Amino acid sequence: MKEEIKHKYDKNVENFLEFYSQNHQLFEEAAKTYQYLIAEFLKDKNLKEFPKITYRIKTKEECTKKFVLKYRDSIEEEKL
């Protein structure tokens, strides 16, 4: 039973890593687009100082670590 849970957990991580790899460029493009749109929106607002607009796409390792911390216990407790 424990082996089935481990397999399910490993499969979830594997599926996520595949999804991340297939979509990473899309995430980058979306973030750059949001950055541009925010800058354009603020351009005409007569701000005293223009804010620096940054973004960060988490690495797959960071995402996997968060997944482990957030979901591993519930997956292990789940009855198959």
PDB file of N, CA and C in Angstrom:
ATOM      1  N   MET A   1       0.831  -1.195   0.000  1.00  0.00           N
ATOM      2  CA  MET A   1       0.000   0.000   0.000  1.00  0.00           C
ATOM      3  C   MET A   1       0.873   1.254   0.000  1.00  0.00           C
ATOM      4  N   LYS A   2       1.897   1.283   0.839  1.00  0.00           N
ATOM      5  CA  LYS A   2       2.806   2.428   0.923  1.00  0.00           C
ATOM      6  C   LYS A   2       3.484   2.670  -0.420  1.00  0.00           C
ATOM      7  N   GLU A   3       3.819   1.610  -1.126  1.00  0.00           N
ATOM      8  CA  GLU A   3       4.454   1.721  -2.438  1.00  0.00           C
ATOM      9  C   GLU A   3       3.498   2.355  -3.452  1.00  0.00           C
ATOM     10  N   GLU A   4       2.205   2.033  -3.373  1.00  0.00           N
ATOM     11  CA  GLU A   4       1.209   2.628  -4.271  1.00  0.00           C
ATOM     12  C   GLU A   4       1.105   4.134  -4.021  1.00  0.00           C
ATOM     13  N   ILE A   5       1.136   4.541  -2.769  1.00  0.00           N
ATOM     14  CA  ILE A   5       1.071   5.960  -2.418  1.00  0.00           C
ATOM     15  C   ILE A   5       2.302   6.675  -2.943  1.00  0.00           C
ATOM     16  N   LYS A   6       3.475   6.065  -2.757  1.00  0.00           N
ATOM     17  CA  LYS A   6       4.711   6.668  -3.243  1.00  0.00           C
ATOM     18  C   LYS A   6       4.646   6.816  -4.758  1.00  0.00           C
ATOM     19  N   HIS A   7       4.126   5.801  -5.426  1.00  0.00           N
ATOM     20  CA  HIS A   7       4.006   5.862  -6.882  1.00  0.00           C
ATOM     21  C   HIS A   7       3.081   7.011  -7.292  1.00  0.00           C
ATOM     22  N   LYS A   8       1.959   7.157  -6.594  1.00  0.00           N
ATOM     23  CA  LYS A   8       1.019   8.227  -6.912  1.00  0.00           C
ATOM     24  C   LYS A   8       1.672   9.586  -6.690  1.00  0.00           C
ATOM     25  N   TYR A   9       2.391   9.722  -5.593  1.00  0.00           N
ATOM     26  CA  TYR A   9       3.098  10.961  -5.293  1.00  0.00           C
ATOM     27  C   TYR A   9       4.144  11.244  -6.366  1.00  0.00           C
ATOM     28  N   ASP A  10       4.963  10.258  -6.675  1.00  0.00           N
ATOM     29  CA  ASP A  10       6.003  10.425  -7.696  1.00  0.00           C
ATOM     30  C   ASP A  10       5.389  10.762  -9.055  1.00  0.00           C
ATOM     31  N   LYS A  11       4.262  10.158  -9.356  1.00  0.00           N
ATOM     32  CA  LYS A  11       3.594  10.416 -10.632  1.00  0.00           C
ATOM     33  C   LYS A  11       3.089  11.861 -10.680  1.00  0.00           C
ATOM     34  N   ASN A  12       2.558  12.362  -9.574  1.00  0.00           N
ATOM     35  CA  ASN A  12       2.116  13.758  -9.526  1.00  0.00           C
ATOM     36  C   ASN A  12       3.279  14.706  -9.766  1.00  0.00           C
ATOM     37  N   VAL A  13       4.398  14.455  -9.124  1.00  0.00           N
ATOM     38  CA  VAL A  13       5.585  15.297  -9.306  1.00  0.00           C
ATOM     39  C   VAL A  13       6.072  15.187 -10.752  1.00  0.00           C
ATOM     40  N   GLU A  14       6.120  13.997 -11.264  1.00  0.00           N
ATOM     41  CA  GLU A  14       6.555  13.779 -12.653  1.00  0.00           C
ATOM     42  C   GLU A  14       5.647  14.522 -13.632  1.00  0.00           C
ATOM     43  N   ASN A  15       4.342  14.443 -13.420  1.00  0.00           N
ATOM     44  CA  ASN A  15       3.390  15.149 -14.281  1.00  0.00           C
ATOM     45  C   ASN A  15       3.605  16.657 -14.212  1.00  0.00           C
ATOM     46  N   PHE A  16       3.831  17.160 -12.999  1.00  0.00           N
ATOM     47  CA  PHE A  16       4.062  18.590 -12.857  1.00  0.00           C
ATOM     48  C   PHE A  16       5.341  19.018 -13.582  1.00  0.00           C
ATOM     49  N   LEU A  17       6.416  18.268 -13.401  1.00  0.00           N
ATOM     50  CA  LEU A  17       7.684  18.624 -14.040  1.00  0.00           C
ATOM     51  C   LEU A  17       7.548  18.652 -15.560  1.00  0.00           C
ATOM     52  N   GLU A  18       6.791  17.718 -16.096  1.00  0.00           N
ATOM     53  CA  GLU A  18       6.541  17.695 -17.537  1.00  0.00           C
ATOM     54  C   GLU A  18       5.739  18.926 -17.958  1.00  0.00           C
ATOM     55  N   PHE A  19       4.686  19.245 -17.189  1.00  0.00           N
ATOM     56  CA  PHE A  19       3.865  20.423 -17.454  1.00  0.00           C
ATOM     57  C   PHE A  19       4.719  21.690 -17.404  1.00  0.00           C
ATOM     58  N   TYR A  20       5.556  21.804 -16.389  1.00  0.00           N
ATOM     59  CA  TYR A  20       6.409  22.982 -16.227  1.00  0.00           C
ATOM     60  C   TYR A  20       7.352  23.123 -17.425  1.00  0.00           C
ATOM     61  N   SER A  21       7.983  22.038 -17.807  1.00  0.00           N
ATOM     62  CA  SER A  21       8.917  22.079 -18.933  1.00  0.00           C
ATOM     63  C   SER A  21       8.219  22.481 -20.231  1.00  0.00           C
ATOM     64  N   GLN A  22       7.027  21.974 -20.435  1.00  0.00           N
ATOM     65  CA  GLN A  22       6.293  22.273 -21.661  1.00  0.00           C
ATOM     66  C   GLN A  22       5.775  23.714 -21.697  1.00  0.00           C
ATOM     67  N   ASN A  23       5.573  24.325 -20.516  1.00  0.00           N
ATOM     68  CA  ASN A  23       4.927  25.633 -20.452  1.00  0.00           C
ATOM     69  C   ASN A  23       5.804  26.762 -19.927  1.00  0.00           C
ATOM     70  N   HIS A  24       7.050  26.479 -19.589  1.00  0.00           N
ATOM     71  CA  HIS A  24       7.914  27.505 -18.991  1.00  0.00           C
ATOM     72  C   HIS A  24       8.023  28.756 -19.870  1.00  0.00           C
ATOM     73  N   GLN A  25       8.209  28.585 -21.152  1.00  0.00           N
ATOM     74  CA  GLN A  25       8.322  29.742 -22.058  1.00  0.00           C
ATOM     75  C   GLN A  25       7.024  30.550 -22.054  1.00  0.00           C
ATOM     76  N   LEU A  26       5.896  29.884 -21.997  1.00  0.00           N
ATOM     77  CA  LEU A  26       4.603  30.564 -21.930  1.00  0.00           C
ATOM     78  C   LEU A  26       4.506  31.396 -20.653  1.00  0.00           C
ATOM     79  N   PHE A  27       4.962  30.838 -19.531  1.00  0.00           N
ATOM     80  CA  PHE A  27       4.952  31.574 -18.262  1.00  0.00           C
ATOM     81  C   PHE A  27       5.807  32.840 -18.367  1.00  0.00           C
ATOM     82  N   GLU A  28       6.984  32.711 -18.975  1.00  0.00           N
ATOM     83  CA  GLU A  28       7.877  33.864 -19.151  1.00  0.00           C
ATOM     84  C   GLU A  28       7.215  34.936 -20.013  1.00  0.00           C
ATOM     85  N   GLU A  29       6.622  34.525 -21.097  1.00  0.00           N
ATOM     86  CA  GLU A  29       5.964  35.473 -21.991  1.00  0.00           C
ATOM     87  C   GLU A  29       4.788  36.152 -21.306  1.00  0.00           C
ATOM     88  N   ALA A  30       4.014  35.418 -20.526  1.00  0.00           N
ATOM     89  CA  ALA A  30       2.878  35.994 -19.808  1.00  0.00           C
ATOM     90  C   ALA A  30       3.359  37.014 -18.776  1.00  0.00           C
ATOM     91  N   ALA A  31       4.415  36.692 -18.054  1.00  0.00           N
ATOM     92  CA  ALA A  31       4.944  37.612 -17.052  1.00  0.00           C
ATOM     93  C   ALA A  31       5.459  38.893 -17.704  1.00  0.00           C
ATOM     94  N   LYS A  32       6.167  38.771 -18.813  1.00  0.00           N
ATOM     95  CA  LYS A  32       6.664  39.954 -19.526  1.00  0.00           C
ATOM     96  C   LYS A  32       5.505  40.808 -20.035  1.00  0.00           C
ATOM     97  N   THR A  33       4.447  40.156 -20.484  1.00  0.00           N
ATOM     98  CA  THR A  33       3.272  40.886 -20.961  1.00  0.00           C
ATOM     99  C   THR A  33       2.617  41.656 -19.820  1.00  0.00           C
ATOM    100  N   TYR A  34       2.458  41.019 -18.660  1.00  0.00           N
ATOM    101  CA  TYR A  34       1.904  41.720 -17.496  1.00  0.00           C
ATOM    102  C   TYR A  34       2.792  42.901 -17.105  1.00  0.00           C
ATOM    103  N   GLN A  35       4.088  42.704 -17.127  1.00  0.00           N
ATOM    104  CA  GLN A  35       5.027  43.770 -16.797  1.00  0.00           C
ATOM    105  C   GLN A  35       4.821  44.950 -17.750  1.00  0.00           C
ATOM    106  N   TYR A  36       4.726  44.666 -19.014  1.00  0.00           N
ATOM    107  CA  TYR A  36       4.515  45.710 -20.022  1.00  0.00           C
ATOM    108  C   TYR A  36       3.174  46.417 -19.800  1.00  0.00           C
ATOM    109  N   LEU A  37       2.118  45.661 -19.595  1.00  0.00           N
ATOM    110  CA  LEU A  37       0.790  46.254 -19.417  1.00  0.00           C
ATOM    111  C   LEU A  37       0.733  47.155 -18.184  1.00  0.00           C
ATOM    112  N   ILE A  38       1.351  46.736 -17.116  1.00  0.00           N
ATOM    113  CA  ILE A  38       1.370  47.555 -15.896  1.00  0.00           C
ATOM    114  C   ILE A  38       2.147  48.847 -16.148  1.00  0.00           C
ATOM    115  N   ALA A  39       3.281  48.743 -16.817  1.00  0.00           N
ATOM    116  CA  ALA A  39       4.077  49.933 -17.133  1.00  0.00           C
ATOM    117  C   ALA A  39       3.287  50.892 -18.021  1.00  0.00           C
ATOM    118  N   GLU A  40       2.603  50.361 -19.013  1.00  0.00           N
ATOM    119  CA  GLU A  40       1.791  51.201 -19.897  1.00  0.00           C
ATOM    120  C   GLU A  40       0.655  51.876 -19.134  1.00  0.00           C
ATOM    121  N   PHE A  41       0.021  51.149 -18.258  1.00  0.00           N
ATOM    122  CA  PHE A  41      -1.068  51.699 -17.455  1.00  0.00           C
ATOM    123  C   PHE A  41      -0.570  52.841 -16.574  1.00  0.00           C
ATOM    124  N   LEU A  42       0.602  52.670 -15.983  1.00  0.00           N
ATOM    125  CA  LEU A  42       1.135  53.675 -15.059  1.00  0.00           C
ATOM    126  C   LEU A  42       1.776  54.873 -15.765  1.00  0.00           C
ATOM    127  N   LYS A  43       2.107  54.705 -17.032  1.00  0.00           N
ATOM    128  CA  LYS A  43       2.836  55.745 -17.767  1.00  0.00           C
ATOM    129  C   LYS A  43       2.116  57.100 -17.733  1.00  0.00           C
ATOM    130  N   ASP A  44       0.824  57.102 -17.851  1.00  0.00           N
ATOM    131  CA  ASP A  44       0.053  58.342 -17.932  1.00  0.00           C
ATOM    132  C   ASP A  44      -0.553  58.782 -16.594  1.00  0.00           C
ATOM    133  N   LYS A  45      -0.058  58.280 -15.511  1.00  0.00           N
ATOM    134  CA  LYS A  45      -0.652  58.576 -14.204  1.00  0.00           C
ATOM    135  C   LYS A  45       0.024  59.717 -13.451  1.00  0.00           C
ATOM    136  N   ASN A  46       0.970  60.404 -14.099  1.00  0.00           N
ATOM    137  CA  ASN A  46       1.658  61.544 -13.478  1.00  0.00           C
ATOM    138  C   ASN A  46       2.245  61.205 -12.118  1.00  0.00           C
ATOM    139  N   LEU A  47       2.923  60.092 -12.050  1.00  0.00           N
ATOM    140  CA  LEU A  47       3.557  59.683 -10.800  1.00  0.00           C
ATOM    141  C   LEU A  47       4.836  60.484 -10.581  1.00  0.00           C
ATOM    142  N   LYS A  48       5.127  60.808  -9.314  1.00  0.00           N
ATOM    143  CA  LYS A  48       6.371  61.518  -9.010  1.00  0.00           C
ATOM    144  C   LYS A  48       7.572  60.634  -9.317  1.00  0.00           C
ATOM    145  N   GLU A  49       7.447  59.377  -8.972  1.00  0.00           N
ATOM    146  CA  GLU A  49       8.491  58.401  -9.269  1.00  0.00           C
ATOM    147  C   GLU A  49       7.838  57.211  -9.946  1.00  0.00           C
ATOM    148  N   PHE A  50       8.479  56.733 -10.983  1.00  0.00           N
ATOM    149  CA  PHE A  50       7.942  55.563 -11.677  1.00  0.00           C
ATOM    150  C   PHE A  50       8.473  54.312 -10.986  1.00  0.00           C
ATOM    151  N   PRO A  51       7.582  53.431 -10.548  1.00  0.00           N
ATOM    152  CA  PRO A  51       8.040  52.231  -9.827  1.00  0.00           C
ATOM    153  C   PRO A  51       8.743  51.239 -10.755  1.00  0.00           C
ATOM    154  N   LYS A  52       9.679  50.531 -10.175  1.00  0.00           N
ATOM    155  CA  LYS A  52      10.326  49.448 -10.912  1.00  0.00           C
ATOM    156  C   LYS A  52       9.385  48.245 -10.886  1.00  0.00           C
ATOM    157  N   ILE A  53       9.101  47.723 -12.024  1.00  0.00           N
ATOM    158  CA  ILE A  53       8.165  46.598 -12.126  1.00  0.00           C
ATOM    159  C   ILE A  53       8.972  45.345 -12.444  1.00  0.00           C
ATOM    160  N   THR A  54       8.928  44.403 -11.534  1.00  0.00           N
ATOM    161  CA  THR A  54       9.685  43.176 -11.719  1.00  0.00           C
ATOM    162  C   THR A  54       8.751  41.974 -11.599  1.00  0.00           C
ATOM    163  N   TYR A  55       9.258  40.854 -12.004  1.00  0.00           N
ATOM    164  CA  TYR A  55       8.530  39.596 -11.850  1.00  0.00           C
ATOM    165  C   TYR A  55       9.535  38.481 -11.663  1.00  0.00           C
ATOM    166  N   ARG A  56       9.025  37.360 -11.202  1.00  0.00           N
ATOM    167  CA  ARG A  56       9.881  36.189 -11.029  1.00  0.00           C
ATOM    168  C   ARG A  56       9.039  34.945 -11.276  1.00  0.00           C
ATOM    169  N   ILE A  57       9.548  34.080 -12.104  1.00  0.00           N
ATOM    170  CA  ILE A  57       8.928  32.777 -12.329  1.00  0.00           C
ATOM    171  C   ILE A  57       9.701  31.788 -11.461  1.00  0.00           C
ATOM    172  N   LYS A  58       8.989  31.098 -10.588  1.00  0.00           N
ATOM    173  CA  LYS A  58       9.661  30.118  -9.734  1.00  0.00           C
ATOM    174  C   LYS A  58      10.281  29.011 -10.575  1.00  0.00           C
ATOM    175  N   THR A  59      11.412  28.513 -10.101  1.00  0.00           N
ATOM    176  CA  THR A  59      12.032  27.370 -10.772  1.00  0.00           C
ATOM    177  C   THR A  59      11.194  26.136 -10.498  1.00  0.00           C
ATOM    178  N   LYS A  60      11.395  25.120 -11.315  1.00  0.00           N
ATOM    179  CA  LYS A  60      10.639  23.890 -11.085  1.00  0.00           C
ATOM    180  C   LYS A  60      11.009  23.264  -9.742  1.00  0.00           C
ATOM    181  N   GLU A  61      12.252  23.477  -9.299  1.00  0.00           N
ATOM    182  CA  GLU A  61      12.668  22.952  -7.994  1.00  0.00           C
ATOM    183  C   GLU A  61      11.911  23.643  -6.859  1.00  0.00           C
ATOM    184  N   GLU A  62      11.742  24.962  -6.975  1.00  0.00           N
ATOM    185  CA  GLU A  62      10.978  25.689  -5.957  1.00  0.00           C
ATOM    186  C   GLU A  62       9.526  25.231  -5.931  1.00  0.00           C
ATOM    187  N   CYS A  63       8.959  25.043  -7.104  1.00  0.00           N
ATOM    188  CA  CYS A  63       7.565  24.598  -7.195  1.00  0.00           C
ATOM    189  C   CYS A  63       7.399  23.198  -6.617  1.00  0.00           C
ATOM    190  N   THR A  64       8.322  22.323  -6.945  1.00  0.00           N
ATOM    191  CA  THR A  64       8.254  20.949  -6.444  1.00  0.00           C
ATOM    192  C   THR A  64       8.392  20.921  -4.931  1.00  0.00           C
ATOM    193  N   LYS A  65       9.289  21.730  -4.403  1.00  0.00           N
ATOM    194  CA  LYS A  65       9.479  21.790  -2.951  1.00  0.00           C
ATOM    195  C   LYS A  65       8.191  22.247  -2.267  1.00  0.00           C
ATOM    196  N   LYS A  66       7.541  23.272  -2.837  1.00  0.00           N
ATOM    197  CA  LYS A  66       6.279  23.746  -2.260  1.00  0.00           C
ATOM    198  C   LYS A  66       5.203  22.659  -2.343  1.00  0.00           C
ATOM    199  N   PHE A  67       5.154  21.958  -3.460  1.00  0.00           N
ATOM    200  CA  PHE A  67       4.196  20.867  -3.620  1.00  0.00           C
ATOM    201  C   PHE A  67       4.410  19.813  -2.535  1.00  0.00           C
ATOM    202  N   VAL A  68       5.663  19.450  -2.322  1.00  0.00           N
ATOM    203  CA  VAL A  68       5.988  18.445  -1.305  1.00  0.00           C
ATOM    204  C   VAL A  68       5.513  18.920   0.065  1.00  0.00           C
ATOM    205  N   LEU A  69       5.843  20.155   0.409  1.00  0.00           N
ATOM    206  CA  LEU A  69       5.462  20.684   1.720  1.00  0.00           C
ATOM    207  C   LEU A  69       3.950  20.769   1.886  1.00  0.00           C
ATOM    208  N   LYS A  70       3.265  21.118   0.802  1.00  0.00           N
ATOM    209  CA  LYS A  70       1.826  21.357   0.899  1.00  0.00           C
ATOM    210  C   LYS A  70       0.974  20.095   0.762  1.00  0.00           C
ATOM    211  N   TYR A  71       1.383  19.153  -0.096  1.00  0.00           N
ATOM    212  CA  TYR A  71       0.491  18.051  -0.451  1.00  0.00           C
ATOM    213  C   TYR A  71       0.954  16.651  -0.098  1.00  0.00           C
ATOM    214  N   ARG A  72       2.194  16.450   0.219  1.00  0.00           N
ATOM    215  CA  ARG A  72       2.670  15.081   0.433  1.00  0.00           C
ATOM    216  C   ARG A  72       1.901  14.372   1.542  1.00  0.00           C
ATOM    217  N   ASP A  73       1.693  15.056   2.656  1.00  0.00           N
ATOM    218  CA  ASP A  73       0.976  14.406   3.757  1.00  0.00           C
ATOM    219  C   ASP A  73      -0.427  13.976   3.346  1.00  0.00           C
ATOM    220  N   SER A  74      -1.137  14.836   2.624  1.00  0.00           N
ATOM    221  CA  SER A  74      -2.502  14.473   2.233  1.00  0.00           C
ATOM    222  C   SER A  74      -2.492  13.330   1.233  1.00  0.00           C
ATOM    223  N   ILE A  75      -1.515  13.280   0.353  1.00  0.00           N
ATOM    224  CA  ILE A  75      -1.435  12.176  -0.610  1.00  0.00           C
ATOM    225  C   ILE A  75      -1.126  10.873   0.136  1.00  0.00           C
ATOM    226  N   GLU A  76      -0.215  10.950   1.097  1.00  0.00           N
ATOM    227  CA  GLU A  76       0.150   9.744   1.848  1.00  0.00           C
ATOM    228  C   GLU A  76      -1.009   9.243   2.705  1.00  0.00           C
ATOM    229  N   GLU A  77      -1.842  10.167   3.198  1.00  0.00           N
ATOM    230  CA  GLU A  77      -2.983   9.787   4.035  1.00  0.00           C
ATOM    231  C   GLU A  77      -4.166   9.277   3.224  1.00  0.00           C
ATOM    232  N   GLU A  78      -4.195   9.645   1.961  1.00  0.00           N
ATOM    233  CA  GLU A  78      -5.314   9.277   1.095  1.00  0.00           C
ATOM    234  C   GLU A  78      -5.417   7.761   0.966  1.00  0.00           C
ATOM    235  N   LYS A  79      -6.614   7.277   1.059  1.00  0.00           N
ATOM    236  CA  LYS A  79      -6.827   5.826   0.893  1.00  0.00           C
ATOM    237  C   LYS A  79      -7.005   5.538  -0.583  1.00  0.00           C
ATOM    238  N   LEU A  80      -6.257   4.599  -1.069  1.00  0.00           N
ATOM    239  CA  LEU A  80      -6.344   4.253  -2.495  1.00  0.00           C
ATOM    240  C   LEU A  80      -7.399   3.214  -2.743  1.00  0.00           C
TER     241      LEU A  80
END
